[in-house]
Amino acid sequence: MREPLASDVVKATAEKHGVCVRPFTMEVGDTETGELRYVPVPCGSTVESVCLPCARKAKALRQVQCREGWHMTEEPDFTSESPTEAQTELLAFRADLVAAYRQETDQAEADELREEIQSVDEELRQLGMRGRLPSIDLPTKKAVKRSTKRRQDAPNLPRRKVAKTTVGREYAGRFRPSMFVTLTCDTYGPVRSDGAPFDQSTYDYRRAARDAVHFSALVDRWWQNLRRVVGWDAQYFATVEPQRRAAPHLHAAIRGSVPHDVIRQVTEATYHQVWWPNHDQVVYVDRMPLWDGDRRVFVDPDTREPLTDWDDAIEAVEDPAHVVTFGRQVHSKGILGGSEEAGRHIGYLTKYLTKSTGEVVEADTVRQRDHHDRLHAELSVTPCSPRCAVWLLYGINPKGANGKTTPGHCKGRAHRRTTLGLPGRRVLVSRKWSGKTLVDHKADRKAFVLEALAAVGIEKPAPAPARLIWRKVDSGDPSVPPRDHLVMHAISERITWKAEYDKALLAAQSPPDLSATPLAA
């Protein structure tokens, strides 16, 4: 009984050779030859406990992305290609469809036009168009305008016109330092060395929960303020991690040099106002609101009166429901490109990328578990978005509410016990960081390997995507081989590829200089 199972041996072998252990199967058909085969496609997980090979590949790719963009000396080229004739013709056809949709009075015909417009949008995406197209529906209500005047309790910031440059300043003709910055949330009460508070009764769990939910918006505001102060388009590669007290904090690599005083000044002056309805007191505890199918709203269980609509609740807001700020602890450090310190900080930035949030904030002591339970209890009654079902506890109909909505139960990750309100995106990368997307970085690595193989006479056939038809197989299809068979086939292919690549590496190395070798006596 202590001997390993066959599936465990297959998994261990796959991990040893860097093959995905839980691929999903795709059916690939060749339109010219008629060949039909089944291909294991990597799952692409970024968590080691789910798939170790895929997580390590994703981490290595992020490290390459961070390294290439941190100390760039030339501006990345983002010149867009001109629209093709097929794109312009398809967009003109979409414009006619939208005009017909807005004039259509029959609901069935309007639904058909909507589906046709959606198919046209998908085809435009396939033709290589990016960006967001205008909505086919006209706005029914005027957007609520909020004052952009700075709060009196926040220090002012100098504002400059942001130049298009993204490369940092050069010093002494050869030094081009960049920055490593750490930002934390504010304090909510004294905590012990393990992150648990000394006194839970005085610890501000409400503010901790709301700060965690709106931490991403606060970070976005910080980047906006930083760019306005320094006067150039600062680029960043940042990761969000939990502290021991389960509060999120940010580690960021910034291209270019920014004075430490400016970093602290921007942090002190940055805040984010949450213009949501007041949600300090829960209205419904025992008896929950009921869904009225005729009026399409939630109603009070006793009076049967509809709850306040979200748009009406927003219009009545006069003061922000919450204000998020950073804590006083701000760490900033200058880093030179190509140095050992830069490599060490890249490893520090990507340290926890292969772990799930629940694994990072795992509680080891009773005090920590009690602390996490108390924080999770507060997060369960903290709305995470305008569509959050928690709003029904406060007597407000959230956006998009329907008969399937359960009052007080939202599937958002902000309410999960394993995440404790931490943002879903662990990596935050600005658009002009390295001048490439992750797909581009993958293509660079593939091109490098193909060139190395071609140098030793190993030519790989170029893919022909136009002649291939990919289809995801249905569950229980008897013609599909078992997953273990596909994994073992992928292991065999990986061993062959590794041998070919090792051969290319040996051929690329120059032979040793034998002239200095002493002759044997």
Protein backbone atom coordinates (compact mmCIF):
# COMPACT_ATOMS: atom_id res chain seq x y z
CA MET A 1 0.00 0.00 0.00
CA ARG A 2 2.98 2.32 0.38
CA GLU A 3 4.06 1.86 -3.21
CA PRO A 4 3.32 4.87 -5.48
CA LEU A 5 0.30 4.77 -7.75
CA ALA A 6 0.79 4.73 -11.50
CA SER A 7 -0.85 8.15 -11.79
CA ASP A 8 1.60 9.55 -9.24
CA VAL A 9 4.53 8.17 -11.24
CA VAL A 10 3.15 9.75 -14.43
CA LYS A 11 2.73 13.09 -12.65
CA ALA A 12 6.23 12.99 -11.16
CA THR A 13 7.75 12.14 -14.55
CA ALA A 14 5.83 14.95 -16.21
CA GLU A 15 7.01 17.44 -13.59
CA LYS A 16 10.60 16.23 -14.02
CA HIS A 17 10.53 16.93 -17.76
CA GLY A 18 8.47 20.13 -17.57
CA VAL A 19 5.23 18.74 -19.04
CA CYS A 20 1.80 19.98 -17.94
CA VAL A 21 0.22 17.48 -15.54
CA ARG A 22 -3.40 18.49 -16.13
CA PRO A 23 -3.77 19.46 -19.81
CA PHE A 24 -7.10 19.76 -21.57
CA THR A 25 -7.59 17.96 -24.85
CA MET A 26 -8.16 19.64 -28.21
CA GLU A 27 -9.14 17.95 -31.47
CA VAL A 28 -7.10 19.24 -34.41
CA GLY A 29 -8.22 18.57 -37.98
CA ASP A 30 -6.15 19.24 -41.11
CA THR A 31 -8.39 20.51 -43.93
CA GLU A 32 -5.92 19.46 -46.64
CA THR A 33 -4.88 15.97 -45.54
CA GLY A 34 -7.96 15.10 -43.53
CA GLU A 35 -5.79 14.03 -40.60
CA LEU A 36 -7.47 14.13 -37.19
CA ARG A 37 -5.42 14.08 -34.00
CA TYR A 38 -5.77 14.92 -30.33
CA VAL A 39 -3.38 17.41 -28.77
CA PRO A 40 -2.83 18.07 -25.03
CA VAL A 41 -2.90 21.82 -24.42
CA PRO A 42 -1.16 23.05 -21.23
CA CYS A 43 -3.53 24.30 -18.55
CA GLY A 44 -1.52 27.51 -18.05
CA SER A 45 -1.97 27.57 -14.28
CA THR A 46 0.22 29.96 -12.31
CA VAL A 47 -0.05 28.02 -9.03
CA GLU A 48 2.49 25.31 -8.22
CA SER A 49 0.06 23.26 -6.17
CA VAL A 50 -2.18 22.99 -9.25
CA CYS A 51 0.45 22.43 -11.98
CA LEU A 52 4.13 22.76 -11.14
CA PRO A 53 5.55 22.90 -14.72
CA CYS A 54 3.07 25.51 -15.97
CA ALA A 55 3.54 27.66 -12.86
CA ARG A 56 7.32 27.66 -13.21
CA LYS A 57 7.10 28.56 -16.88
CA ALA A 58 4.74 31.44 -16.07
CA LYS A 59 7.08 32.69 -13.35
CA ALA A 60 10.12 32.52 -15.65
CA LEU A 61 8.19 34.45 -18.29
CA ARG A 62 7.29 37.16 -15.79
CA GLN A 63 10.92 37.39 -14.69
CA VAL A 64 11.99 37.92 -18.31
CA GLN A 65 9.30 40.56 -18.73
CA CYS A 66 10.44 42.37 -15.59
CA ARG A 67 14.12 42.22 -16.56
CA GLU A 68 13.63 43.48 -20.13
CA GLY A 69 11.53 46.48 -19.15
CA TRP A 70 13.15 47.66 -15.93
CA HIS A 71 16.23 49.40 -17.32
CA MET A 72 15.37 50.06 -20.97
CA THR A 73 17.53 52.69 -22.66
CA GLU A 74 15.35 53.27 -25.74
CA GLU A 75 11.70 54.14 -26.05
CA PRO A 76 9.50 51.18 -27.05
CA ASP A 77 7.85 51.53 -30.43
CA PHE A 78 4.05 51.51 -30.26
CA THR A 79 3.25 52.76 -33.74
CA SER A 80 -0.07 51.20 -34.69
CA GLU A 81 -0.60 49.53 -38.04
CA SER A 82 -3.02 51.11 -40.47
CA PRO A 83 -6.52 49.62 -40.52
CA THR A 84 -7.03 47.07 -43.27
CA GLU A 85 -9.71 47.28 -45.90
CA ALA A 86 -11.46 44.24 -44.42
CA GLN A 87 -11.65 45.96 -41.04
CA THR A 88 -13.08 49.21 -42.42
CA GLU A 89 -15.69 47.37 -44.52
CA LEU A 90 -16.74 45.24 -41.57
CA LEU A 91 -16.99 48.30 -39.31
CA ALA A 92 -19.18 50.08 -41.91
CA PHE A 93 -21.43 47.01 -41.94
CA ARG A 94 -21.59 47.18 -38.13
CA ALA A 95 -22.61 50.84 -38.31
CA ASP A 96 -25.56 49.90 -40.57
CA LEU A 97 -26.57 47.14 -38.18
CA VAL A 98 -26.48 49.51 -35.19
CA ALA A 99 -28.61 52.06 -37.05
CA ALA A 100 -31.15 49.37 -37.92
CA TYR A 101 -31.12 48.09 -34.33
CA ARG A 102 -31.94 51.51 -32.87
CA GLN A 103 -34.84 51.98 -35.28
CA GLU A 104 -36.28 48.48 -34.80
CA THR A 105 -39.48 48.33 -32.74
CA ASP A 106 -40.04 44.56 -32.80
CA GLN A 107 -38.22 42.91 -29.88
CA ALA A 108 -37.53 39.64 -31.72
CA GLU A 109 -35.95 41.45 -34.66
CA ALA A 110 -33.92 43.60 -32.28
CA ASP A 111 -32.54 40.50 -30.54
CA GLU A 112 -31.49 39.05 -33.90
CA LEU A 113 -29.72 42.29 -34.80
CA ARG A 114 -27.96 42.31 -31.43
CA GLU A 115 -26.65 38.78 -32.03
CA GLU A 116 -25.49 39.77 -35.51
CA ILE A 117 -23.63 42.79 -34.11
CA GLN A 118 -21.93 40.56 -31.53
CA SER A 119 -20.75 38.18 -34.25
CA VAL A 120 -19.38 41.14 -36.25
CA ASP A 121 -17.51 42.35 -33.15
CA GLU A 122 -15.96 38.90 -32.71
CA GLU A 123 -14.89 38.85 -36.35
CA LEU A 124 -13.29 42.29 -35.95
CA ARG A 125 -11.30 40.95 -32.99
CA GLN A 126 -10.13 38.03 -35.08
CA LEU A 127 -8.98 40.45 -37.78
CA GLY A 128 -6.63 42.07 -35.29
CA MET A 129 -8.57 45.06 -33.97
CA ARG A 130 -8.06 46.12 -30.35
CA GLY A 131 -9.84 48.64 -28.19
CA ARG A 132 -13.46 49.07 -27.22
CA LEU A 133 -16.26 49.73 -29.68
CA PRO A 134 -19.15 52.10 -28.88
CA SER A 135 -22.15 50.55 -27.15
CA ILE A 136 -25.12 49.81 -29.36
CA ASP A 137 -27.51 51.09 -26.66
CA LEU A 138 -27.85 54.78 -25.94
CA PRO A 139 -27.35 55.85 -22.30
CA THR A 140 -30.65 56.10 -20.49
CA LYS A 141 -29.45 58.21 -17.56
CA LYS A 142 -27.00 61.03 -17.26
CA ALA A 143 -23.78 60.11 -15.53
CA VAL A 144 -23.38 61.49 -12.02
CA LYS A 145 -20.60 64.09 -11.85
CA ARG A 146 -18.43 64.20 -8.75
CA SER A 147 -16.23 67.07 -7.65
CA THR A 148 -12.53 66.63 -8.48
CA LYS A 149 -11.47 69.18 -5.88
CA ARG A 150 -8.84 67.81 -3.51
CA ARG A 151 -9.81 67.06 0.06
CA GLN A 152 -8.78 69.66 2.62
CA ASP A 153 -7.12 67.03 4.81
CA ALA A 154 -4.83 65.89 1.95
CA PRO A 155 -1.64 67.81 1.01
CA ASN A 156 -1.47 69.40 -2.43
CA LEU A 157 0.69 68.02 -5.21
CA PRO A 158 2.50 69.93 -7.95
CA ARG A 159 1.13 69.07 -11.37
CA ARG A 160 3.07 68.99 -14.60
CA LYS A 161 2.22 68.07 -18.15
CA VAL A 162 3.06 64.40 -18.62
CA ALA A 163 5.52 63.89 -21.49
CA LYS A 164 5.33 60.79 -23.67
CA THR A 165 8.80 59.61 -22.70
CA THR A 166 9.07 56.44 -20.59
CA VAL A 167 12.86 56.02 -20.29
CA GLY A 168 14.56 57.30 -17.17
CA ARG A 169 17.19 60.00 -16.96
CA GLU A 170 20.87 59.19 -17.50
CA TYR A 171 23.49 60.38 -14.99
CA ALA A 172 27.21 60.97 -15.59
CA GLY A 173 26.84 59.76 -19.15
CA ARG A 174 26.55 56.06 -18.23
CA PHE A 175 24.33 55.51 -15.17
CA ARG A 176 20.59 55.05 -15.62
CA PRO A 177 19.17 53.97 -12.26
CA SER A 178 15.63 52.78 -11.63
CA MET A 179 13.53 52.40 -8.49
CA PHE A 180 12.17 49.67 -6.24
CA VAL A 181 9.24 50.87 -4.11
CA THR A 182 7.12 49.22 -1.41
CA LEU A 183 3.77 50.69 -0.34
CA THR A 184 1.62 49.43 2.55
CA CYS A 185 -1.85 50.02 3.93
CA ASP A 186 -2.48 52.19 6.97
CA THR A 187 -2.47 50.78 10.49
CA TYR A 188 -5.70 49.45 12.01
CA GLY A 189 -4.35 48.76 15.47
CA PRO A 190 -1.27 47.30 17.19
CA VAL A 191 -0.35 43.78 16.02
CA ARG A 192 1.94 41.04 17.28
CA SER A 193 4.90 39.56 15.45
CA ASP A 194 2.64 36.95 13.80
CA GLY A 195 0.29 39.65 12.45
CA ALA A 196 -2.55 39.02 14.90
CA PRO A 197 -3.83 42.12 16.74
CA PHE A 198 -3.19 42.58 20.45
CA ASP A 199 -6.86 43.41 20.99
CA GLN A 200 -9.47 42.42 18.41
CA SER A 201 -12.09 44.63 20.06
CA THR A 202 -10.11 47.78 19.20
CA TYR A 203 -8.75 46.61 15.83
CA ASP A 204 -10.53 48.47 13.00
CA TYR A 205 -11.72 45.50 10.94
CA ARG A 206 -14.23 47.56 8.99
CA ARG A 207 -11.57 49.89 7.62
CA ALA A 208 -9.21 46.95 6.99
CA ALA A 209 -11.85 45.17 4.92
CA ARG A 210 -12.79 48.25 2.89
CA ASP A 211 -9.16 49.19 2.29
CA ALA A 212 -8.48 45.68 0.96
CA VAL A 213 -11.49 45.81 -1.38
CA HIS A 214 -10.50 49.21 -2.81
CA PHE A 215 -6.71 48.75 -2.69
CA SER A 216 -6.44 48.35 -6.49
CA ALA A 217 -8.20 51.69 -7.09
CA LEU A 218 -5.85 53.37 -4.62
CA VAL A 219 -2.81 51.97 -6.44
CA ASP A 220 -4.13 53.25 -9.78
CA ARG A 221 -4.54 56.70 -8.25
CA TRP A 222 -0.95 56.56 -6.96
CA TRP A 223 0.42 55.94 -10.45
CA GLN A 224 -1.62 58.82 -11.84
CA ASN A 225 -0.31 61.19 -9.18
CA LEU A 226 3.27 60.02 -9.64
CA ARG A 227 3.20 60.68 -13.38
CA ARG A 228 1.69 64.13 -12.89
CA VAL A 229 4.39 65.07 -10.39
CA VAL A 230 7.47 63.75 -12.23
CA GLY A 231 6.22 64.92 -15.64
CA TRP A 232 6.90 61.72 -17.63
CA ASP A 233 5.04 58.49 -18.31
CA ALA A 234 6.51 56.34 -15.53
CA GLN A 235 6.29 52.60 -16.23
CA TYR A 236 6.06 49.88 -13.62
CA PHE A 237 6.08 46.14 -12.92
CA ALA A 238 4.36 45.51 -9.57
CA THR A 239 3.14 42.58 -7.51
CA VAL A 240 0.53 42.59 -4.73
CA GLU A 241 1.22 40.42 -1.69
CA PRO A 242 -0.36 40.04 1.75
CA GLN A 243 1.42 41.08 4.92
CA ARG A 244 1.30 38.93 8.05
CA ARG A 245 -1.67 40.96 9.28
CA ALA A 246 -3.41 39.93 5.97
CA ALA A 247 -3.41 43.50 4.61
CA PRO A 248 -2.26 43.94 0.99
CA HIS A 249 0.97 45.75 0.15
CA LEU A 250 2.65 46.57 -3.14
CA HIS A 251 6.17 45.91 -4.42
CA ALA A 252 6.91 47.86 -7.61
CA ALA A 253 9.84 48.16 -10.01
CA ILE A 254 9.72 51.62 -11.63
CA ARG A 255 11.75 52.46 -14.74
CA GLY A 256 13.75 55.62 -14.22
CA SER A 257 14.92 57.47 -11.14
CA VAL A 258 12.48 59.30 -8.87
CA PRO A 259 13.67 61.23 -5.78
CA HIS A 260 12.80 59.52 -2.51
CA ASP A 261 11.15 62.68 -1.20
CA VAL A 262 8.84 62.73 -4.23
CA ILE A 263 7.84 59.09 -3.60
CA ARG A 264 6.89 59.94 -0.02
CA GLN A 265 5.16 63.15 -1.01
CA VAL A 266 3.01 61.36 -3.59
CA THR A 267 2.17 58.59 -1.12
CA GLU A 268 1.05 61.01 1.58
CA ALA A 269 -1.12 62.97 -0.87
CA THR A 270 -2.76 59.97 -2.58
CA TYR A 271 -6.25 58.88 -1.59
CA HIS A 272 -9.26 57.26 -3.22
CA GLN A 273 -12.84 58.29 -2.45
CA VAL A 274 -15.50 55.59 -2.74
CA TRP A 275 -18.67 57.32 -3.96
CA TRP A 276 -21.03 54.53 -2.99
CA PRO A 277 -24.18 54.58 -0.85
CA ASN A 278 -23.60 54.41 2.87
CA HIS A 279 -23.18 50.82 4.08
CA ASP A 280 -22.35 51.17 7.76
CA GLN A 281 -25.46 49.49 9.15
CA VAL A 282 -26.91 46.19 7.91
CA VAL A 283 -30.68 46.43 7.44
CA TYR A 284 -31.62 42.80 6.83
CA VAL A 285 -30.20 40.14 9.15
CA ASP A 286 -32.77 37.40 9.76
CA ARG A 287 -35.36 37.95 7.04
CA MET A 288 -33.88 38.63 3.63
CA PRO A 289 -35.37 40.62 0.73
CA LEU A 290 -37.51 38.65 -1.74
CA TRP A 291 -37.39 38.67 -5.53
CA ASP A 292 -40.52 40.00 -7.25
CA GLY A 293 -40.61 38.41 -10.70
CA ASP A 294 -43.34 40.72 -11.99
CA ARG A 295 -41.57 43.96 -11.12
CA ARG A 296 -38.08 42.49 -11.63
CA VAL A 297 -36.77 43.89 -8.34
CA PHE A 298 -36.10 42.76 -4.79
CA VAL A 299 -38.75 43.84 -2.29
CA ASP A 300 -38.98 44.11 1.47
CA PRO A 301 -40.22 40.80 2.99
CA ASP A 302 -42.82 42.59 5.16
CA THR A 303 -44.08 45.62 3.23
CA ARG A 304 -43.44 44.24 -0.28
CA GLU A 305 -42.11 47.64 -1.25
CA PRO A 306 -39.25 47.65 -3.80
CA LEU A 307 -35.78 48.29 -2.43
CA THR A 308 -33.91 51.43 -3.45
CA ASP A 309 -32.60 51.24 -7.01
CA TRP A 310 -28.83 51.50 -7.41
CA ASP A 311 -28.94 54.57 -9.68
CA ASP A 312 -31.27 56.37 -7.28
CA ALA A 313 -29.04 55.50 -4.33
CA ILE A 314 -25.99 56.85 -6.17
CA GLU A 315 -27.72 60.13 -7.02
CA ALA A 316 -28.52 60.65 -3.34
CA VAL A 317 -24.88 60.27 -2.26
CA GLU A 318 -23.43 63.54 -0.96
CA ASP A 319 -20.33 62.29 0.89
CA PRO A 320 -17.99 59.39 0.07
CA ALA A 321 -18.76 56.17 1.90
CA HIS A 322 -15.07 55.49 2.46
CA VAL A 323 -11.67 57.08 1.85
CA VAL A 324 -8.64 54.83 1.26
CA THR A 325 -5.09 56.00 2.00
CA PHE A 326 -1.65 54.43 2.26
CA GLY A 327 0.26 53.93 5.48
CA ARG A 328 3.31 55.87 6.59
CA GLN A 329 5.73 53.03 5.90
CA VAL A 330 7.18 53.75 2.44
CA HIS A 331 10.33 52.08 1.19
CA SER A 332 12.14 53.29 -1.93
CA LYS A 333 15.54 52.30 -3.29
CA GLY A 334 17.59 53.07 -6.40
CA ILE A 335 18.70 50.07 -8.47
CA LEU A 336 21.27 49.97 -11.29
CA GLY A 337 20.53 47.79 -14.30
CA GLY A 338 22.56 44.62 -14.78
CA SER A 339 23.72 44.57 -11.17
CA GLU A 340 23.44 41.64 -8.78
CA GLU A 341 21.05 43.72 -6.70
CA ALA A 342 18.69 44.09 -9.68
CA GLY A 343 18.55 40.33 -10.16
CA ARG A 344 17.90 39.81 -6.47
CA HIS A 345 15.01 42.26 -6.46
CA ILE A 346 13.48 40.62 -9.57
CA GLY A 347 13.46 37.36 -7.65
CA TYR A 348 11.92 39.17 -4.69
CA LEU A 349 9.18 40.64 -6.92
CA THR A 350 8.24 37.23 -8.31
CA LYS A 351 8.77 35.26 -5.09
CA TYR A 352 5.13 34.39 -4.42
CA LEU A 353 3.79 34.29 -7.98
CA THR A 354 3.59 30.49 -7.99
CA LYS A 355 1.55 30.36 -4.78
CA SER A 356 -2.16 30.98 -4.43
CA THR A 357 -3.30 33.78 -2.17
CA GLY A 358 -4.64 31.25 0.32
CA GLU A 359 -1.23 29.60 0.58
CA VAL A 360 0.47 32.93 1.27
CA VAL A 361 -1.96 34.06 3.99
CA GLU A 362 -2.24 30.64 5.60
CA ALA A 363 -2.68 30.89 9.37
CA ASP A 364 -0.31 28.85 11.59
CA THR A 365 -1.47 29.88 15.06
CA VAL A 366 -4.82 30.09 16.85
CA ARG A 367 -4.50 33.89 17.09
CA GLN A 368 -3.95 34.15 13.34
CA ARG A 369 -6.95 31.95 12.57
CA ASP A 370 -9.15 34.02 14.86
CA HIS A 371 -7.88 37.19 13.20
CA HIS A 372 -8.61 35.83 9.71
CA ASP A 373 -12.06 34.67 10.79
CA ARG A 374 -12.89 38.12 12.14
CA LEU A 375 -11.62 39.83 8.98
CA HIS A 376 -13.55 37.40 6.78
CA ALA A 377 -16.72 38.09 8.78
CA GLU A 378 -16.34 41.80 8.04
CA LEU A 379 -15.60 41.14 4.36
CA SER A 380 -18.78 39.08 4.08
CA VAL A 381 -20.84 42.25 4.71
CA THR A 382 -18.61 44.59 2.68
CA PRO A 383 -19.81 45.20 -0.91
CA CYS A 384 -17.11 44.63 -3.52
CA SER A 385 -18.76 46.22 -6.60
CA PRO A 386 -22.01 47.84 -7.77
CA ARG A 387 -23.22 44.36 -8.76
CA CYS A 388 -22.42 42.74 -5.41
CA ALA A 389 -25.32 40.85 -3.82
CA VAL A 390 -24.23 42.15 -0.40
CA TRP A 391 -25.95 45.45 -1.24
CA LEU A 392 -29.30 43.72 -0.63
CA LEU A 393 -28.40 43.49 3.07
CA TYR A 394 -28.42 47.31 3.12
CA GLY A 395 -31.75 47.66 1.31
CA ILE A 396 -30.32 48.51 -2.12
CA ASN A 397 -30.95 46.70 -5.40
CA PRO A 398 -27.53 46.14 -6.98
CA LYS A 399 -26.89 46.45 -10.69
CA GLY A 400 -27.90 43.42 -12.71
CA ALA A 401 -29.91 41.79 -9.90
CA ASN A 402 -32.18 38.94 -11.01
CA GLY A 403 -34.02 35.94 -9.66
CA LYS A 404 -30.77 33.95 -9.34
CA THR A 405 -29.21 36.55 -7.03
CA THR A 406 -28.98 35.39 -3.41
CA PRO A 407 -29.07 38.27 -0.90
CA GLY A 408 -25.80 38.55 0.98
CA HIS A 409 -23.96 35.90 -1.08
CA CYS A 410 -21.50 37.19 -3.68
CA LYS A 411 -19.09 34.93 -5.57
CA GLY A 412 -16.44 37.66 -5.83
CA ARG A 413 -13.00 36.73 -4.53
CA ALA A 414 -13.13 39.63 -2.08
CA HIS A 415 -15.54 37.60 0.09
CA ARG A 416 -13.62 34.31 0.07
CA ARG A 417 -11.98 32.99 3.21
CA THR A 418 -8.87 31.99 1.24
CA THR A 419 -8.20 35.44 -0.25
CA LEU A 420 -9.33 37.83 2.54
CA GLY A 421 -10.13 40.64 0.15
CA LEU A 422 -6.82 40.64 -1.70
CA PRO A 423 -6.95 41.75 -5.36
CA GLY A 424 -7.29 39.07 -8.01
CA ARG A 425 -4.46 40.33 -10.19
CA ARG A 426 -1.17 39.43 -8.53
CA VAL A 427 0.92 41.16 -11.23
CA LEU A 428 0.33 44.75 -12.38
CA VAL A 429 2.28 45.76 -15.51
CA SER A 430 1.99 49.08 -17.32
CA ARG A 431 1.31 48.97 -21.04
CA LYS A 432 4.65 50.42 -22.12
CA TRP A 433 6.82 48.42 -19.72
CA SER A 434 8.74 46.18 -22.12
CA GLY A 435 7.03 47.05 -25.38
CA LYS A 436 5.74 43.47 -25.57
CA THR A 437 2.89 41.37 -24.31
CA LEU A 438 3.33 37.98 -22.67
CA VAL A 439 2.47 36.40 -26.02
CA ASP A 440 5.31 38.37 -27.62
CA HIS A 441 7.75 37.19 -24.94
CA LYS A 442 6.69 33.57 -25.56
CA ALA A 443 7.21 34.07 -29.29
CA ASP A 444 10.72 35.45 -28.64
CA ARG A 445 11.68 32.37 -26.64
CA LYS A 446 10.29 30.06 -29.30
CA ALA A 447 12.12 31.94 -32.08
CA PHE A 448 15.40 31.69 -30.14
CA VAL A 449 15.06 27.90 -29.82
CA LEU A 450 14.13 27.47 -33.50
CA GLU A 451 17.17 29.51 -34.58
CA ALA A 452 19.46 27.43 -32.37
CA LEU A 453 18.07 24.21 -33.87
CA ALA A 454 18.31 25.52 -37.42
CA ALA A 455 22.00 26.32 -36.84
CA VAL A 456 22.74 22.59 -36.44
CA GLY A 457 20.53 21.51 -39.31
CA ILE A 458 17.37 20.66 -37.36
CA GLU A 459 14.50 22.29 -39.19
CA LYS A 460 11.07 22.33 -37.60
CA PRO A 461 8.06 22.55 -39.95
CA ALA A 462 6.36 25.91 -39.86
CA PRO A 463 2.79 25.78 -38.52
CA ALA A 464 -0.06 26.36 -40.93
CA PRO A 465 -2.90 27.71 -38.76
CA ALA A 466 -5.07 28.48 -41.77
CA ARG A 467 -5.46 24.79 -42.63
CA LEU A 468 -6.03 23.59 -39.05
CA ILE A 469 -9.37 23.47 -37.27
CA TRP A 470 -9.24 23.33 -33.46
CA ARG A 471 -12.15 22.01 -31.41
CA LYS A 472 -12.46 21.35 -27.73
CA VAL A 473 -13.56 17.77 -27.20
CA ASP A 474 -16.76 16.93 -25.40
CA SER A 475 -16.69 15.28 -22.02
CA GLY A 476 -17.05 11.50 -22.26
CA ASP A 477 -16.10 11.30 -25.96
CA PRO A 478 -15.04 7.62 -26.41
CA SER A 479 -12.60 8.41 -29.23
CA VAL A 480 -10.49 10.68 -27.04
CA PRO A 481 -7.45 8.93 -25.50
CA PRO A 482 -7.08 9.07 -21.70
CA ARG A 483 -5.24 12.03 -20.22
CA ASP A 484 -2.35 9.88 -18.96
CA HIS A 485 -1.75 8.63 -22.52
CA LEU A 486 -1.54 12.20 -23.80
CA VAL A 487 0.76 13.20 -20.94
CA MET A 488 3.11 10.28 -21.62
CA HIS A 489 3.18 11.15 -25.32
CA ALA A 490 4.03 14.76 -24.39
CA ILE A 491 6.84 13.47 -22.13
CA SER A 492 8.30 11.50 -25.02
CA GLU A 493 8.15 14.58 -27.28
CA ARG A 494 9.74 16.74 -24.60
CA ILE A 495 12.65 14.30 -24.17
CA THR A 496 13.26 14.38 -27.95
CA TRP A 497 13.11 18.18 -28.05
CA LYS A 498 15.46 18.47 -25.09
CA ALA A 499 18.00 16.18 -26.78
CA GLU A 500 17.85 18.25 -29.96
CA TYR A 501 18.27 21.49 -28.03
CA ASP A 502 21.23 20.11 -26.04
CA LYS A 503 22.83 19.15 -29.34
CA ALA A 504 22.34 22.70 -30.61
CA LEU A 505 23.89 24.15 -27.43
CA LEU A 506 26.94 21.88 -27.71
CA ALA A 507 27.41 22.84 -31.36
CA ALA A 508 27.15 26.53 -30.51
CA GLN A 509 29.99 26.31 -28.00
CA SER A 510 33.46 26.91 -29.46
CA PRO A 511 35.94 24.01 -29.08
CA PRO A 512 38.49 24.40 -26.29
CA ASP A 513 41.93 25.87 -27.07
CA LEU A 514 44.30 22.89 -27.10
CA SER A 515 47.47 24.87 -27.87
CA ALA A 516 48.14 25.57 -24.20
CA THR A 517 47.61 21.99 -23.10
CA PRO A 518 50.90 20.39 -22.10
CA LEU A 519 51.85 17.31 -24.09
CA ALA A 520 51.91 14.06 -22.23
CA ALA A 521 55.39 12.79 -21.51
